[in-house]
Amino acid sequence: LEQREKAISVLVEPVKASLDKFEKQVQELEKNRASAYSSLETQLKSLSQTQEYLRNETGNLVKALRAPHVRGRWGELTLKRVVEMAGMLDHCDFIEQESRDTEEGRQRPDMIINMPGNKKIVVDAKVPLSAYLEALEAQDEEERRRKLADHARQLRDHIGKLGKKSYWEQYRNETPEFVVLFIPGEVFYSAALEADPTLIEGAASEKVMLASPANLIPLLRAVHYGWKQEAIAENAQQISNLGKELYERIGTLAKHWARVGGHLGGAVKAYNESVATLESRVLVSARKFEALKTTSAGASLDSPAQVEAALREISAPEMLAPPQSKDTAE
């Protein structure tokens, strides 16, 4: 019996070891599961808090944008940020809130974009958003569609009013016959087009160009590039003018050099002639005093040497004075 128990024990021992190992693995998995569940629960709570915060902030933003002056100022700030992202500078590439008196009273567009060649683009940023904000709070899809249709209709009405202002009449020969209506968000732009696909064509007929940040930035970058090319062209013109001026001044300097050379040649000729006169007329008579023993011992009269070096004339054609015509010579 004892031998049988030992034999059974030998057979059961590996199974017992495997069961113990399996139990440890199960305990480890349970421990990891509890830890992962706790972490997931923490993340879900954090996500819920974040969603609640965003919901409150969105509600605050919606409430703020319901006020027309807040909505208008927000649109203006968004427009300014967009033009600055395009590389433009305030009071140089664009001007904000410039007032002008017209027959219909004082008008003040939100922004004037300065273009090369003293041209301008008028930009308006006052966009009605009340219907869109109401669509965000719609209780069902039908109400949401109705509010978005109102949003498109409000935008179309604003386009009509903006077109009647005829901003291009204030800047005759300075601006093309259209005004840019800046819509400060892609969602406002796409929602209006979804509700009214003919909105772009209708705006074009009123000489109003719709622009969201996505398509206004490329336009402004093109204008900014045009300014760079204008500066390059101005620099090239200045370089050309300086080159012409320098060329003319070099020609004038060459005339002065030629005149100085002529004077130097005349001076050399006069000097050599005076040396010849000294040797042939003066020293011949003066040396007779030596024969009469009236001079000091060792004293002698040496004749000065003539200047043999010739002046080098200017040969470069661009340094020579242009030949005179017969009429000028006469």
C-alpha atoms as a PDB file:
ATOM      1  CA  LEU A   1       0.000   0.000   0.000  1.00  0.00           C
ATOM      2  CA  GLU A   2       2.782   2.376   0.877  1.00  0.00           C
ATOM      3  CA  GLN A   3       4.473   1.643  -2.425  1.00  0.00           C
ATOM      4  CA  ARG A   4       1.212   2.321  -4.262  1.00  0.00           C
ATOM      5  CA  GLU A   5       0.822   5.662  -2.464  1.00  0.00           C
ATOM      6  CA  LYS A   6       4.354   6.617  -3.464  1.00  0.00           C
ATOM      7  CA  ALA A   7       3.675   5.632  -7.058  1.00  0.00           C
ATOM      8  CA  ILE A   8       0.447   7.669  -7.127  1.00  0.00           C
ATOM      9  CA  SER A   9       2.237  10.599  -5.513  1.00  0.00           C
ATOM     10  CA  VAL A  10       4.899  10.470  -8.212  1.00  0.00           C
ATOM     11  CA  LEU A  11       2.208  10.504 -10.884  1.00  0.00           C
ATOM     12  CA  VAL A  12       0.169  13.307  -9.283  1.00  0.00           C
ATOM     13  CA  GLU A  13       3.095  15.614  -8.473  1.00  0.00           C
ATOM     14  CA  PRO A  14       3.543  17.002 -12.038  1.00  0.00           C
ATOM     15  CA  VAL A  15      -0.199  17.621 -12.289  1.00  0.00           C
ATOM     16  CA  LYS A  16      -0.162  19.448  -8.940  1.00  0.00           C
ATOM     17  CA  ALA A  17       2.785  21.592 -10.096  1.00  0.00           C
ATOM     18  CA  SER A  18       0.976  22.458 -13.319  1.00  0.00           C
ATOM     19  CA  LEU A  19      -2.183  23.384 -11.409  1.00  0.00           C
ATOM     20  CA  ASP A  20      -0.196  25.586  -9.033  1.00  0.00           C
ATOM     21  CA  LYS A  21       1.449  27.322 -11.991  1.00  0.00           C
ATOM     22  CA  PHE A  22      -1.912  27.808 -13.713  1.00  0.00           C
ATOM     23  CA  GLU A  23      -3.408  29.245 -10.518  1.00  0.00           C
ATOM     24  CA  LYS A  24      -0.551  31.757 -10.246  1.00  0.00           C
ATOM     25  CA  GLN A  25      -1.110  32.828 -13.860  1.00  0.00           C
ATOM     26  CA  VAL A  26      -4.835  33.248 -13.218  1.00  0.00           C
ATOM     27  CA  GLN A  27      -4.103  35.380 -10.155  1.00  0.00           C
ATOM     28  CA  GLU A  28      -1.642  37.515 -12.162  1.00  0.00           C
ATOM     29  CA  LEU A  29      -4.186  37.982 -14.959  1.00  0.00           C
ATOM     30  CA  GLU A  30      -6.849  38.970 -12.445  1.00  0.00           C
ATOM     31  CA  LYS A  31      -4.473  41.473 -10.890  1.00  0.00           C
ATOM     32  CA  ASN A  32      -3.665  42.988 -14.293  1.00  0.00           C
ATOM     33  CA  ARG A  33      -7.355  43.061 -15.219  1.00  0.00           C
ATOM     34  CA  ALA A  34      -8.228  44.920 -12.026  1.00  0.00           C
ATOM     35  CA  SER A  35      -5.439  47.430 -12.662  1.00  0.00           C
ATOM     36  CA  ALA A  36      -6.474  47.939 -16.284  1.00  0.00           C
ATOM     37  CA  TYR A  37     -10.120  48.342 -15.299  1.00  0.00           C
ATOM     38  CA  SER A  38      -9.179  50.932 -12.698  1.00  0.00           C
ATOM     39  CA  SER A  39      -7.102  52.843 -15.265  1.00  0.00           C
ATOM     40  CA  LEU A  40      -9.922  52.655 -17.825  1.00  0.00           C
ATOM     41  CA  GLU A  41     -12.398  53.897 -15.254  1.00  0.00           C
ATOM     42  CA  THR A  42     -10.112  56.852 -14.485  1.00  0.00           C
ATOM     43  CA  GLN A  43      -9.743  57.679 -18.175  1.00  0.00           C
ATOM     44  CA  LEU A  44     -13.499  57.478 -18.727  1.00  0.00           C
ATOM     45  CA  LYS A  45     -14.079  59.856 -15.825  1.00  0.00           C
ATOM     46  CA  SER A  46     -11.475  62.242 -17.245  1.00  0.00           C
ATOM     47  CA  LEU A  47     -13.062  62.018 -20.703  1.00  0.00           C
ATOM     48  CA  SER A  48     -16.483  62.672 -19.224  1.00  0.00           C
ATOM     49  CA  GLN A  49     -15.158  65.724 -17.376  1.00  0.00           C
ATOM     50  CA  THR A  50     -13.482  66.992 -20.559  1.00  0.00           C
ATOM     51  CA  GLN A  51     -16.688  66.561 -22.542  1.00  0.00           C
ATOM     52  CA  GLU A  52     -18.621  68.406 -19.874  1.00  0.00           C
ATOM     53  CA  TYR A  53     -16.057  71.225 -19.921  1.00  0.00           C
ATOM     54  CA  LEU A  54     -16.202  71.458 -23.715  1.00  0.00           C
ATOM     55  CA  ARG A  55     -19.988  71.418 -23.608  1.00  0.00           C
ATOM     56  CA  ASN A  56     -20.001  74.301 -21.125  1.00  0.00           C
ATOM     57  CA  GLU A  57     -17.403  76.255 -23.107  1.00  0.00           C
ATOM     58  CA  THR A  58     -19.311  75.675 -26.335  1.00  0.00           C
ATOM     59  CA  GLY A  59     -22.447  76.897 -24.627  1.00  0.00           C
ATOM     60  CA  ASN A  60     -20.623  79.993 -23.404  1.00  0.00           C
ATOM     61  CA  LEU A  61     -19.258  80.619 -26.915  1.00  0.00           C
ATOM     62  CA  VAL A  62     -22.714  80.199 -28.433  1.00  0.00           C
ATOM     63  CA  LYS A  63     -24.168  82.627 -25.895  1.00  0.00           C
ATOM     64  CA  ALA A  64     -21.373  85.125 -26.565  1.00  0.00           C
ATOM     65  CA  LEU A  65     -21.746  84.887 -30.343  1.00  0.00           C
ATOM     66  CA  ARG A  66     -25.450  85.630 -30.081  1.00  0.00           C
ATOM     67  CA  ALA A  67     -24.522  89.236 -29.260  1.00  0.00           C
ATOM     68  CA  PRO A  68     -24.024  91.064 -32.606  1.00  0.00           C
ATOM     69  CA  HIS A  69     -21.118  93.229 -31.377  1.00  0.00           C
ATOM     70  CA  VAL A  70     -19.283  90.196 -29.960  1.00  0.00           C
ATOM     71  CA  ARG A  71     -19.900  88.216 -33.152  1.00  0.00           C
ATOM     72  CA  GLY A  72     -18.670  91.123 -35.290  1.00  0.00           C
ATOM     73  CA  ARG A  73     -15.540  91.595 -33.215  1.00  0.00           C
ATOM     74  CA  TRP A  74     -14.801  87.867 -33.314  1.00  0.00           C
ATOM     75  CA  GLY A  75     -15.068  87.909 -37.111  1.00  0.00           C
ATOM     76  CA  GLU A  76     -12.725  90.902 -37.314  1.00  0.00           C
ATOM     77  CA  LEU A  77     -10.129  89.251 -35.055  1.00  0.00           C
ATOM     78  CA  THR A  78     -10.319  86.019 -37.056  1.00  0.00           C
ATOM     79  CA  LEU A  79      -9.844  87.982 -40.287  1.00  0.00           C
ATOM     80  CA  LYS A  80      -6.819  89.800 -38.867  1.00  0.00           C
ATOM     81  CA  ARG A  81      -5.281  86.514 -37.728  1.00  0.00           C
ATOM     82  CA  VAL A  82      -5.783  85.029 -41.204  1.00  0.00           C
ATOM     83  CA  VAL A  83      -4.095  87.941 -42.999  1.00  0.00           C
ATOM     84  CA  GLU A  84      -1.204  87.855 -40.519  1.00  0.00           C
ATOM     85  CA  MET A  85      -0.827  84.109 -41.170  1.00  0.00           C
ATOM     86  CA  ALA A  86      -0.479  85.013 -44.857  1.00  0.00           C
ATOM     87  CA  GLY A  87       2.560  87.157 -43.970  1.00  0.00           C
ATOM     88  CA  MET A  88       0.956  90.604 -44.167  1.00  0.00           C
ATOM     89  CA  LEU A  89       1.712  93.541 -41.872  1.00  0.00           C
ATOM     90  CA  ASP A  90      -0.746  95.973 -40.290  1.00  0.00           C
ATOM     91  CA  HIS A  91      -0.794  99.545 -41.711  1.00  0.00           C
ATOM     92  CA  CYS A  92       1.443  98.334 -44.548  1.00  0.00           C
ATOM     93  CA  ASP A  93      -0.246  95.472 -46.395  1.00  0.00           C
ATOM     94  CA  PHE A  94      -3.710  95.999 -44.898  1.00  0.00           C
ATOM     95  CA  ILE A  95      -5.721  98.685 -43.091  1.00  0.00           C
ATOM     96  CA  GLU A  96      -8.539  98.045 -40.610  1.00  0.00           C
ATOM     97  CA  GLN A  97     -11.719 100.086 -40.185  1.00  0.00           C
ATOM     98  CA  GLU A  98     -10.926 102.830 -42.720  1.00  0.00           C
ATOM     99  CA  SER A  99     -13.834 105.311 -42.882  1.00  0.00           C
ATOM    100  CA  ARG A 100     -14.924 107.193 -45.994  1.00  0.00           C
ATOM    101  CA  ASP A 101     -17.798 109.611 -46.530  1.00  0.00           C
ATOM    102  CA  THR A 102     -20.128 108.819 -49.419  1.00  0.00           C
ATOM    103  CA  GLU A 103     -23.435 110.130 -50.738  1.00  0.00           C
ATOM    104  CA  GLU A 104     -25.165 107.461 -48.645  1.00  0.00           C
ATOM    105  CA  GLY A 105     -23.260 108.438 -45.492  1.00  0.00           C
ATOM    106  CA  ARG A 106     -20.076 107.261 -43.861  1.00  0.00           C
ATOM    107  CA  GLN A 107     -19.017 103.700 -44.692  1.00  0.00           C
ATOM    108  CA  ARG A 108     -16.331 101.719 -42.922  1.00  0.00           C
ATOM    109  CA  PRO A 109     -15.288  98.329 -44.326  1.00  0.00           C
ATOM    110  CA  ASP A 110     -13.657  95.951 -41.877  1.00  0.00           C
ATOM    111  CA  MET A 111     -10.421  95.722 -43.850  1.00  0.00           C
ATOM    112  CA  ILE A 112      -8.690  97.080 -46.947  1.00  0.00           C
ATOM    113  CA  ILE A 113      -6.059  94.796 -48.502  1.00  0.00           C
ATOM    114  CA  ASN A 114      -3.394  96.827 -50.303  1.00  0.00           C
ATOM    115  CA  MET A 115      -2.209  95.291 -53.572  1.00  0.00           C
ATOM    116  CA  PRO A 116       0.730  96.113 -55.862  1.00  0.00           C
ATOM    117  CA  GLY A 117       0.112  98.948 -58.287  1.00  0.00           C
ATOM    118  CA  ASN A 118      -1.906 101.007 -55.742  1.00  0.00           C
ATOM    119  CA  LYS A 119      -4.837  98.578 -55.984  1.00  0.00           C
ATOM    120  CA  LYS A 120      -7.073  97.517 -53.094  1.00  0.00           C
ATOM    121  CA  ILE A 121      -9.443  94.715 -52.088  1.00  0.00           C
ATOM    122  CA  VAL A 122     -12.319  95.509 -49.724  1.00  0.00           C
ATOM    123  CA  VAL A 123     -13.127  92.809 -47.131  1.00  0.00           C
ATOM    124  CA  ASP A 124     -16.218  92.624 -44.904  1.00  0.00           C
ATOM    125  CA  ALA A 125     -16.333  90.288 -41.895  1.00  0.00           C
ATOM    126  CA  LYS A 126     -19.834  90.900 -40.520  1.00  0.00           C
ATOM    127  CA  VAL A 127     -21.574  87.559 -41.058  1.00  0.00           C
ATOM    128  CA  PRO A 128     -24.942  86.610 -39.487  1.00  0.00           C
ATOM    129  CA  LEU A 129     -24.556  83.424 -37.438  1.00  0.00           C
ATOM    130  CA  SER A 130     -27.631  83.398 -35.190  1.00  0.00           C
ATOM    131  CA  ALA A 131     -29.526  80.770 -37.227  1.00  0.00           C
ATOM    132  CA  TYR A 132     -26.483  78.497 -37.354  1.00  0.00           C
ATOM    133  CA  LEU A 133     -26.053  78.756 -33.569  1.00  0.00           C
ATOM    134  CA  GLU A 134     -29.715  77.837 -33.139  1.00  0.00           C
ATOM    135  CA  ALA A 135     -29.154  74.829 -35.410  1.00  0.00           C
ATOM    136  CA  LEU A 136     -26.514  73.577 -32.977  1.00  0.00           C
ATOM    137  CA  GLU A 137     -29.153  73.463 -30.242  1.00  0.00           C
ATOM    138  CA  ALA A 138     -31.839  71.823 -32.401  1.00  0.00           C
ATOM    139  CA  GLN A 139     -33.671  68.936 -30.751  1.00  0.00           C
ATOM    140  CA  ASP A 140     -34.186  66.913 -33.925  1.00  0.00           C
ATOM    141  CA  GLU A 141     -32.874  66.652 -37.483  1.00  0.00           C
ATOM    142  CA  GLU A 142     -35.887  68.414 -39.015  1.00  0.00           C
ATOM    143  CA  GLU A 143     -35.428  71.469 -36.828  1.00  0.00           C
ATOM    144  CA  ARG A 144     -31.713  71.433 -37.557  1.00  0.00           C
ATOM    145  CA  ARG A 145     -32.338  71.455 -41.333  1.00  0.00           C
ATOM    146  CA  ARG A 146     -34.803  74.304 -40.978  1.00  0.00           C
ATOM    147  CA  LYS A 147     -32.334  76.394 -38.969  1.00  0.00           C
ATOM    148  CA  LEU A 148     -29.532  75.740 -41.468  1.00  0.00           C
ATOM    149  CA  ALA A 149     -31.856  76.872 -44.269  1.00  0.00           C
ATOM    150  CA  ASP A 150     -32.458  80.046 -42.241  1.00  0.00           C
ATOM    151  CA  HIS A 151     -28.676  80.388 -41.911  1.00  0.00           C
ATOM    152  CA  ALA A 152     -28.250  80.273 -45.701  1.00  0.00           C
ATOM    153  CA  ARG A 153     -31.128  82.732 -46.159  1.00  0.00           C
ATOM    154  CA  GLN A 154     -29.630  85.172 -43.636  1.00  0.00           C
ATOM    155  CA  LEU A 155     -26.296  84.958 -45.411  1.00  0.00           C
ATOM    156  CA  ARG A 156     -27.955  85.618 -48.800  1.00  0.00           C
ATOM    157  CA  ASP A 157     -29.783  88.659 -47.371  1.00  0.00           C
ATOM    158  CA  HIS A 158     -26.499  90.002 -45.985  1.00  0.00           C
ATOM    159  CA  ILE A 159     -24.862  89.465 -49.382  1.00  0.00           C
ATOM    160  CA  GLY A 160     -27.592  91.571 -51.007  1.00  0.00           C
ATOM    161  CA  LYS A 161     -27.101  94.402 -48.501  1.00  0.00           C
ATOM    162  CA  LEU A 162     -23.333  94.244 -48.903  1.00  0.00           C
ATOM    163  CA  GLY A 163     -23.565  94.388 -52.692  1.00  0.00           C
ATOM    164  CA  LYS A 164     -25.741  97.526 -52.516  1.00  0.00           C
ATOM    165  CA  LYS A 165     -23.027  99.360 -50.564  1.00  0.00           C
ATOM    166  CA  SER A 166     -20.903  99.373 -53.748  1.00  0.00           C
ATOM    167  CA  TYR A 167     -17.607  99.766 -51.915  1.00  0.00           C
ATOM    168  CA  TRP A 168     -15.818  99.843 -55.275  1.00  0.00           C
ATOM    169  CA  GLU A 169     -17.481 103.206 -55.985  1.00  0.00           C
ATOM    170  CA  GLN A 170     -15.509 104.691 -53.073  1.00  0.00           C
ATOM    171  CA  TYR A 171     -12.198 103.513 -54.523  1.00  0.00           C
ATOM    172  CA  ARG A 172     -12.544 104.364 -58.199  1.00  0.00           C
ATOM    173  CA  ASN A 173      -9.750 102.911 -60.329  1.00  0.00           C
ATOM    174  CA  GLU A 174      -8.254 101.411 -57.146  1.00  0.00           C
ATOM    175  CA  THR A 175     -10.299  98.277 -56.542  1.00  0.00           C
ATOM    176  CA  PRO A 176     -12.009  95.652 -58.725  1.00  0.00           C
ATOM    177  CA  GLU A 177     -15.792  95.723 -58.803  1.00  0.00           C
ATOM    178  CA  PHE A 178     -16.367  93.249 -56.013  1.00  0.00           C
ATOM    179  CA  VAL A 179     -16.112  93.000 -52.245  1.00  0.00           C
ATOM    180  CA  VAL A 180     -14.902  89.950 -50.318  1.00  0.00           C
ATOM    181  CA  LEU A 181     -17.251  88.635 -47.624  1.00  0.00           C
ATOM    182  CA  PHE A 182     -15.118  86.783 -45.084  1.00  0.00           C
ATOM    183  CA  ILE A 183     -16.879  83.892 -43.328  1.00  0.00           C
ATOM    184  CA  PRO A 184     -14.810  83.202 -40.168  1.00  0.00           C
ATOM    185  CA  GLY A 185     -15.174  79.415 -40.134  1.00  0.00           C
ATOM    186  CA  GLU A 186     -15.338  76.513 -42.567  1.00  0.00           C
ATOM    187  CA  VAL A 187     -18.366  75.052 -40.765  1.00  0.00           C
ATOM    188  CA  PHE A 188     -20.405  78.236 -41.315  1.00  0.00           C
ATOM    189  CA  TYR A 189     -19.385  78.314 -44.981  1.00  0.00           C
ATOM    190  CA  SER A 190     -20.034  74.632 -45.753  1.00  0.00           C
ATOM    191  CA  ALA A 191     -23.328  74.583 -43.820  1.00  0.00           C
ATOM    192  CA  ALA A 192     -24.661  77.523 -45.852  1.00  0.00           C
ATOM    193  CA  LEU A 193     -23.600  75.915 -49.145  1.00  0.00           C
ATOM    194  CA  GLU A 194     -25.148  72.604 -48.123  1.00  0.00           C
ATOM    195  CA  ALA A 195     -28.466  74.325 -47.461  1.00  0.00           C
ATOM    196  CA  ASP A 196     -28.257  76.555 -50.567  1.00  0.00           C
ATOM    197  CA  PRO A 197     -25.867  75.280 -53.300  1.00  0.00           C
ATOM    198  CA  THR A 198     -26.600  78.376 -55.462  1.00  0.00           C
ATOM    199  CA  LEU A 199     -25.210  80.745 -52.849  1.00  0.00           C
ATOM    200  CA  ILE A 200     -21.870  81.297 -54.619  1.00  0.00           C
ATOM    201  CA  GLU A 201     -23.540  82.163 -57.941  1.00  0.00           C
ATOM    202  CA  GLY A 202     -25.978  84.480 -56.187  1.00  0.00           C
ATOM    203  CA  ALA A 203     -23.136  86.248 -54.393  1.00  0.00           C
ATOM    204  CA  ALA A 204     -21.203  86.657 -57.645  1.00  0.00           C
ATOM    205  CA  SER A 205     -24.216  88.339 -59.252  1.00  0.00           C
ATOM    206  CA  GLU A 206     -24.145  90.865 -56.387  1.00  0.00           C
ATOM    207  CA  LYS A 207     -20.387  91.376 -56.933  1.00  0.00           C
ATOM    208  CA  VAL A 208     -19.635  89.697 -53.605  1.00  0.00           C
ATOM    209  CA  MET A 209     -16.979  86.989 -53.333  1.00  0.00           C
ATOM    210  CA  LEU A 210     -17.419  84.505 -50.462  1.00  0.00           C
ATOM    211  CA  ALA A 211     -14.201  83.544 -48.688  1.00  0.00           C
ATOM    212  CA  SER A 212     -13.540  81.196 -45.786  1.00  0.00           C
ATOM    213  CA  PRO A 213     -10.117  80.978 -44.086  1.00  0.00           C
ATOM    214  CA  ALA A 214      -9.177  78.021 -46.320  1.00  0.00           C
ATOM    215  CA  ASN A 215      -9.555  79.937 -49.594  1.00  0.00           C
ATOM    216  CA  LEU A 216      -8.757  83.450 -48.332  1.00  0.00           C
ATOM    217  CA  ILE A 217      -5.253  82.481 -47.184  1.00  0.00           C
ATOM    218  CA  PRO A 218      -4.124  81.385 -50.705  1.00  0.00           C
ATOM    219  CA  LEU A 219      -5.530  84.648 -52.122  1.00  0.00           C
ATOM    220  CA  LEU A 220      -3.644  86.702 -49.541  1.00  0.00           C
ATOM    221  CA  ARG A 221      -0.460  84.718 -50.105  1.00  0.00           C
ATOM    222  CA  ALA A 222      -0.758  85.505 -53.819  1.00  0.00           C
ATOM    223  CA  VAL A 223      -1.100  89.202 -52.959  1.00  0.00           C
ATOM    224  CA  HIS A 224       1.871  88.917 -50.589  1.00  0.00           C
ATOM    225  CA  TYR A 225       3.892  87.274 -53.361  1.00  0.00           C
ATOM    226  CA  GLY A 226       2.852  90.109 -55.664  1.00  0.00           C
ATOM    227  CA  TRP A 227       4.228  92.595 -53.140  1.00  0.00           C
ATOM    228  CA  LYS A 228       7.536  90.725 -53.112  1.00  0.00           C
ATOM    229  CA  GLN A 229       7.696  90.820 -56.903  1.00  0.00           C
ATOM    230  CA  GLU A 230       6.844  94.532 -56.822  1.00  0.00           C
ATOM    231  CA  ALA A 231       9.726  95.130 -54.406  1.00  0.00           C
ATOM    232  CA  ILE A 232      12.069  93.101 -56.626  1.00  0.00           C
ATOM    233  CA  ALA A 233      10.965  95.113 -59.674  1.00  0.00           C
ATOM    234  CA  GLU A 234      11.501  98.391 -57.803  1.00  0.00           C
ATOM    235  CA  ASN A 235      14.975  97.266 -56.723  1.00  0.00           C
ATOM    236  CA  ALA A 236      15.790  96.243 -60.299  1.00  0.00           C
ATOM    237  CA  GLN A 237      14.644  99.661 -61.553  1.00  0.00           C
ATOM    238  CA  GLN A 238      16.757 101.407 -58.927  1.00  0.00           C
ATOM    239  CA  ILE A 239      19.765  99.290 -59.903  1.00  0.00           C
ATOM    240  CA  SER A 240      19.160 100.184 -63.561  1.00  0.00           C
ATOM    241  CA  ASN A 241      18.915 103.894 -62.741  1.00  0.00           C
ATOM    242  CA  LEU A 242      22.060 103.750 -60.610  1.00  0.00           C
ATOM    243  CA  GLY A 243      23.887 101.937 -63.420  1.00  0.00           C
ATOM    244  CA  LYS A 244      22.910 104.606 -65.952  1.00  0.00           C
ATOM    245  CA  GLU A 245      23.887 107.376 -63.552  1.00  0.00           C
ATOM    246  CA  LEU A 246      27.224 105.727 -62.763  1.00  0.00           C
ATOM    247  CA  TYR A 247      27.924 105.205 -66.480  1.00  0.00           C
ATOM    248  CA  GLU A 248      27.232 108.874 -67.222  1.00  0.00           C
ATOM    249  CA  ARG A 249      29.405 110.002 -64.318  1.00  0.00           C
ATOM    250  CA  ILE A 250      32.269 107.789 -65.479  1.00  0.00           C
ATOM    251  CA  GLY A 251      31.995 109.449 -68.908  1.00  0.00           C
ATOM    252  CA  THR A 252      32.139 112.895 -67.296  1.00  0.00           C
ATOM    253  CA  LEU A 253      35.147 111.833 -65.216  1.00  0.00           C
ATOM    254  CA  ALA A 254      36.837 110.548 -68.387  1.00  0.00           C
ATOM    255  CA  LYS A 255      36.431 113.988 -69.960  1.00  0.00           C
ATOM    256  CA  HIS A 256      38.098 115.558 -66.933  1.00  0.00           C
ATOM    257  CA  TRP A 257      40.938 113.028 -67.132  1.00  0.00           C
ATOM    258  CA  ALA A 258      41.404 113.769 -70.833  1.00  0.00           C
ATOM    259  CA  ARG A 259      41.537 117.488 -70.052  1.00  0.00           C
ATOM    260  CA  VAL A 260      44.072 116.926 -67.257  1.00  0.00           C
ATOM    261  CA  GLY A 261      46.133 114.766 -69.624  1.00  0.00           C
ATOM    262  CA  GLY A 262      46.060 117.536 -72.222  1.00  0.00           C
ATOM    263  CA  HIS A 263      47.238 120.062 -69.666  1.00  0.00           C
ATOM    264  CA  LEU A 264      49.991 117.705 -68.510  1.00  0.00           C
ATOM    265  CA  GLY A 265      51.093 117.203 -72.130  1.00  0.00           C
ATOM    266  CA  GLY A 266      51.190 120.953 -72.665  1.00  0.00           C
ATOM    267  CA  ALA A 267      53.178 121.411 -69.456  1.00  0.00           C
ATOM    268  CA  VAL A 268      55.706 118.759 -70.538  1.00  0.00           C
ATOM    269  CA  LYS A 269      56.029 120.374 -73.971  1.00  0.00           C
ATOM    270  CA  ALA A 270      56.539 123.828 -72.453  1.00  0.00           C
ATOM    271  CA  TYR A 271      59.083 122.406 -70.012  1.00  0.00           C
ATOM    272  CA  ASN A 272      61.073 120.686 -72.753  1.00  0.00           C
ATOM    273  CA  GLU A 273      61.001 123.852 -74.893  1.00  0.00           C
ATOM    274  CA  SER A 274      62.262 125.933 -71.983  1.00  0.00           C
ATOM    275  CA  VAL A 275      65.074 123.401 -71.398  1.00  0.00           C
ATOM    276  CA  ALA A 276      66.033 123.647 -75.072  1.00  0.00           C
ATOM    277  CA  THR A 277      66.059 127.455 -74.871  1.00  0.00           C
ATOM    278  CA  LEU A 278      68.112 127.305 -71.689  1.00  0.00           C
ATOM    279  CA  GLU A 279      70.701 125.057 -73.300  1.00  0.00           C
ATOM    280  CA  SER A 280      70.918 126.829 -76.670  1.00  0.00           C
ATOM    281  CA  ARG A 281      70.534 130.463 -75.681  1.00  0.00           C
ATOM    282  CA  VAL A 282      71.263 130.953 -71.998  1.00  0.00           C
ATOM    283  CA  LEU A 283      73.870 128.415 -70.875  1.00  0.00           C
ATOM    284  CA  VAL A 284      76.039 128.994 -73.980  1.00  0.00           C
ATOM    285  CA  SER A 285      76.536 132.623 -72.971  1.00  0.00           C
ATOM    286  CA  ALA A 286      76.762 131.897 -69.238  1.00  0.00           C
ATOM    287  CA  ARG A 287      79.543 129.324 -69.697  1.00  0.00           C
ATOM    288  CA  LYS A 288      81.803 132.009 -71.261  1.00  0.00           C
ATOM    289  CA  PHE A 289      82.303 133.323 -67.735  1.00  0.00           C
ATOM    290  CA  GLU A 290      84.301 130.170 -66.985  1.00  0.00           C
ATOM    291  CA  ALA A 291      86.822 131.077 -69.714  1.00  0.00           C
ATOM    292  CA  LEU A 292      87.207 134.539 -68.198  1.00  0.00           C
ATOM    293  CA  LYS A 293      88.013 132.978 -64.783  1.00  0.00           C
ATOM    294  CA  THR A 294      85.222 134.882 -63.092  1.00  0.00           C
ATOM    295  CA  THR A 295      83.499 131.879 -61.541  1.00  0.00           C
ATOM    296  CA  SER A 296      84.379 129.956 -58.414  1.00  0.00           C
ATOM    297  CA  ALA A 297      86.681 126.989 -58.738  1.00  0.00           C
ATOM    298  CA  GLY A 298      84.814 123.797 -59.497  1.00  0.00           C
ATOM    299  CA  ALA A 299      81.546 125.560 -60.259  1.00  0.00           C
ATOM    300  CA  SER A 300      79.744 124.498 -63.407  1.00  0.00           C
ATOM    301  CA  LEU A 301      76.394 125.013 -65.080  1.00  0.00           C
ATOM    302  CA  ASP A 302      74.552 121.752 -65.811  1.00  0.00           C
ATOM    303  CA  SER A 303      71.563 121.751 -68.095  1.00  0.00           C
ATOM    304  CA  PRO A 304      68.368 120.133 -66.732  1.00  0.00           C
ATOM    305  CA  ALA A 305      67.190 116.912 -68.362  1.00  0.00           C
ATOM    306  CA  GLN A 306      64.163 116.903 -70.573  1.00  0.00           C
ATOM    307  CA  VAL A 307      61.044 114.857 -69.716  1.00  0.00           C
ATOM    308  CA  GLU A 308      61.058 111.898 -72.097  1.00  0.00           C
ATOM    309  CA  ALA A 309      58.130 109.871 -70.633  1.00  0.00           C
ATOM    310  CA  ALA A 310      54.978 110.090 -72.746  1.00  0.00           C
ATOM    311  CA  LEU A 311      51.514 110.389 -71.237  1.00  0.00           C
ATOM    312  CA  ARG A 312      49.324 107.304 -71.589  1.00  0.00           C
ATOM    313  CA  GLU A 313      46.097 108.131 -73.328  1.00  0.00           C
ATOM    314  CA  ILE A 314      42.719 106.595 -72.368  1.00  0.00           C
ATOM    315  CA  SER A 315      41.797 104.020 -75.000  1.00  0.00           C
ATOM    316  CA  ALA A 316      38.640 102.393 -73.573  1.00  0.00           C
ATOM    317  CA  PRO A 317      35.768 103.401 -75.923  1.00  0.00           C
ATOM    318  CA  GLU A 318      33.282 103.928 -73.085  1.00  0.00           C
ATOM    319  CA  MET A 319      35.767 106.336 -71.444  1.00  0.00           C
ATOM    320  CA  LEU A 320      36.148 108.489 -74.554  1.00  0.00           C
ATOM    321  CA  ALA A 321      33.970 111.502 -75.202  1.00  0.00           C
ATOM    322  CA  PRO A 322      31.507 110.906 -78.057  1.00  0.00           C
ATOM    323  CA  PRO A 323      32.646 112.473 -81.354  1.00  0.00           C
ATOM    324  CA  GLN A 324      31.095 115.824 -82.102  1.00  0.00           C
ATOM    325  CA  SER A 325      28.884 116.184 -85.153  1.00  0.00           C
ATOM    326  CA  LYS A 326      29.639 118.769 -87.805  1.00  0.00           C
ATOM    327  CA  ASP A 327      26.771 120.921 -86.594  1.00  0.00           C
ATOM    328  CA  THR A 328      28.141 120.827 -83.038  1.00  0.00           C
ATOM    329  CA  ALA A 329      31.702 121.550 -84.184  1.00  0.00           C
ATOM    330  CA  GLU A 330      30.535 124.533 -86.189  1.00  0.00           C
END
